[in-house]
Amino acid sequence: MTIYTVATFFGQLMIAIFMIILNLTATQFVDEQNNRHFCPKRCLALI
């Protein structure tokens, strides 16, 4: 394995881990937002 191969592998690995963490935090944030706005949306939908 050349240094370039190792560098690209670790780069892709870091990007993959970063994307997973980003997705996890994003879904948690969206869930919090949905829970916070769930009652008003439900009330508005009923009206």
N, C-alpha and C. Protein backbone atom coordinates (compact mmCIF):
# COMPACT_ATOMS: atom_id res chain seq x y z
N MET A 1 0.85 -1.20 0.00
CA MET A 1 0.00 0.00 0.00
C MET A 1 0.88 1.25 0.00
N THR A 2 0.58 2.15 -0.90
CA THR A 2 1.34 3.40 -0.96
C THR A 2 0.78 4.40 0.03
N ILE A 3 1.53 5.46 0.26
CA ILE A 3 1.09 6.51 1.18
C ILE A 3 -0.19 7.16 0.66
N TYR A 4 -0.27 7.30 -0.67
CA TYR A 4 -1.46 7.92 -1.28
C TYR A 4 -2.71 7.10 -1.01
N THR A 5 -2.59 5.76 -1.12
CA THR A 5 -3.73 4.88 -0.86
C THR A 5 -4.18 5.00 0.59
N VAL A 6 -3.21 4.98 1.51
CA VAL A 6 -3.52 5.10 2.94
C VAL A 6 -4.19 6.44 3.21
N ALA A 7 -3.66 7.51 2.60
CA ALA A 7 -4.20 8.85 2.82
C ALA A 7 -5.64 8.94 2.33
N THR A 8 -5.91 8.41 1.14
CA THR A 8 -7.28 8.48 0.61
C THR A 8 -8.21 7.62 1.45
N PHE A 9 -7.72 6.44 1.89
CA PHE A 9 -8.54 5.56 2.72
C PHE A 9 -8.94 6.25 4.02
N PHE A 10 -7.95 6.84 4.70
CA PHE A 10 -8.24 7.53 5.96
C PHE A 10 -9.10 8.76 5.73
N GLY A 11 -8.89 9.43 4.62
CA GLY A 11 -9.71 10.59 4.29
C GLY A 11 -11.17 10.21 4.12
N GLN A 12 -11.41 9.13 3.37
CA GLN A 12 -12.78 8.67 3.16
C GLN A 12 -13.39 8.17 4.47
N LEU A 13 -12.56 7.50 5.28
CA LEU A 13 -13.02 7.00 6.58
C LEU A 13 -13.45 8.16 7.47
N MET A 14 -12.63 9.21 7.53
CA MET A 14 -12.95 10.39 8.34
C MET A 14 -14.23 11.06 7.84
N ILE A 15 -14.36 11.17 6.52
CA ILE A 15 -15.56 11.78 5.94
C ILE A 15 -16.79 10.94 6.29
N ALA A 16 -16.65 9.61 6.20
CA ALA A 16 -17.78 8.72 6.50
C ALA A 16 -18.20 8.87 7.96
N ILE A 17 -17.23 8.87 8.88
CA ILE A 17 -17.54 9.03 10.31
C ILE A 17 -18.17 10.39 10.56
N PHE A 18 -17.62 11.42 9.92
CA PHE A 18 -18.16 12.77 10.09
C PHE A 18 -19.60 12.85 9.61
N MET A 19 -19.88 12.23 8.45
CA MET A 19 -21.24 12.24 7.91
C MET A 19 -22.20 11.50 8.82
N ILE A 20 -21.75 10.37 9.39
CA ILE A 20 -22.61 9.59 10.30
C ILE A 20 -22.94 10.43 11.54
N ILE A 21 -21.91 11.05 12.12
CA ILE A 21 -22.13 11.90 13.31
C ILE A 21 -23.05 13.05 12.96
N LEU A 22 -22.83 13.66 11.79
CA LEU A 22 -23.66 14.78 11.35
C LEU A 22 -25.10 14.33 11.20
N ASN A 23 -25.32 13.16 10.58
CA ASN A 23 -26.67 12.65 10.39
C ASN A 23 -27.34 12.35 11.73
N LEU A 24 -26.59 11.77 12.67
CA LEU A 24 -27.16 11.44 13.98
C LEU A 24 -27.58 12.71 14.71
N THR A 25 -26.71 13.72 14.74
CA THR A 25 -27.04 14.97 15.42
C THR A 25 -28.18 15.68 14.71
N ALA A 26 -28.20 15.62 13.37
CA ALA A 26 -29.25 16.28 12.61
C ALA A 26 -30.60 15.63 12.90
N THR A 27 -30.66 14.29 12.94
CA THR A 27 -31.93 13.61 13.20
C THR A 27 -32.40 13.90 14.62
N GLN A 28 -31.48 13.94 15.58
CA GLN A 28 -31.86 14.27 16.95
C GLN A 28 -32.43 15.68 17.01
N PHE A 29 -31.79 16.62 16.31
CA PHE A 29 -32.25 18.01 16.30
C PHE A 29 -33.63 18.10 15.66
N VAL A 30 -33.82 17.40 14.55
CA VAL A 30 -35.11 17.42 13.85
C VAL A 30 -36.19 16.80 14.74
N ASP A 31 -35.85 15.71 15.44
CA ASP A 31 -36.82 15.08 16.35
C ASP A 31 -37.23 16.05 17.44
N GLU A 32 -36.26 16.78 18.01
CA GLU A 32 -36.59 17.77 19.05
C GLU A 32 -37.49 18.85 18.48
N GLN A 33 -37.18 19.33 17.28
CA GLN A 33 -37.99 20.35 16.65
C GLN A 33 -39.40 19.83 16.39
N ASN A 34 -39.52 18.59 15.90
CA ASN A 34 -40.83 18.00 15.62
C ASN A 34 -41.63 17.85 16.91
N ASN A 35 -40.99 17.39 17.98
CA ASN A 35 -41.70 17.22 19.25
C ASN A 35 -42.16 18.57 19.78
N ARG A 36 -41.35 19.60 19.59
CA ARG A 36 -41.68 20.92 20.09
C ARG A 36 -42.86 21.51 19.31
N HIS A 37 -42.88 21.27 18.00
CA HIS A 37 -43.91 21.87 17.16
C HIS A 37 -45.04 20.90 16.84
N PHE A 38 -45.04 19.74 17.50
CA PHE A 38 -46.03 18.71 17.17
C PHE A 38 -47.43 19.16 17.58
N CYS A 39 -47.59 19.67 18.81
CA CYS A 39 -48.91 20.08 19.31
C CYS A 39 -49.51 21.23 18.49
N PRO A 40 -48.77 22.31 18.25
CA PRO A 40 -49.33 23.40 17.43
C PRO A 40 -49.72 22.94 16.04
N LYS A 41 -48.88 22.08 15.41
CA LYS A 41 -49.20 21.58 14.07
C LYS A 41 -50.47 20.75 14.12
N ARG A 42 -50.61 19.91 15.14
CA ARG A 42 -51.80 19.06 15.27
C ARG A 42 -53.04 19.94 15.46
N CYS A 43 -52.92 20.97 16.30
CA CYS A 43 -54.05 21.86 16.53
C CYS A 43 -54.42 22.61 15.26
N LEU A 44 -53.42 23.10 14.53
CA LEU A 44 -53.68 23.81 13.28
C LEU A 44 -54.30 22.87 12.25
N ALA A 45 -53.87 21.61 12.25
CA ALA A 45 -54.42 20.64 11.30
C ALA A 45 -55.89 20.37 11.61
N LEU A 46 -56.23 20.35 12.90
CA LEU A 46 -57.63 20.09 13.29
C LEU A 46 -58.52 21.27 12.92
N ILE A 47 -57.97 22.50 13.01
CA ILE A 47 -58.74 23.69 12.64
C ILE A 47 -58.83 23.79 11.17
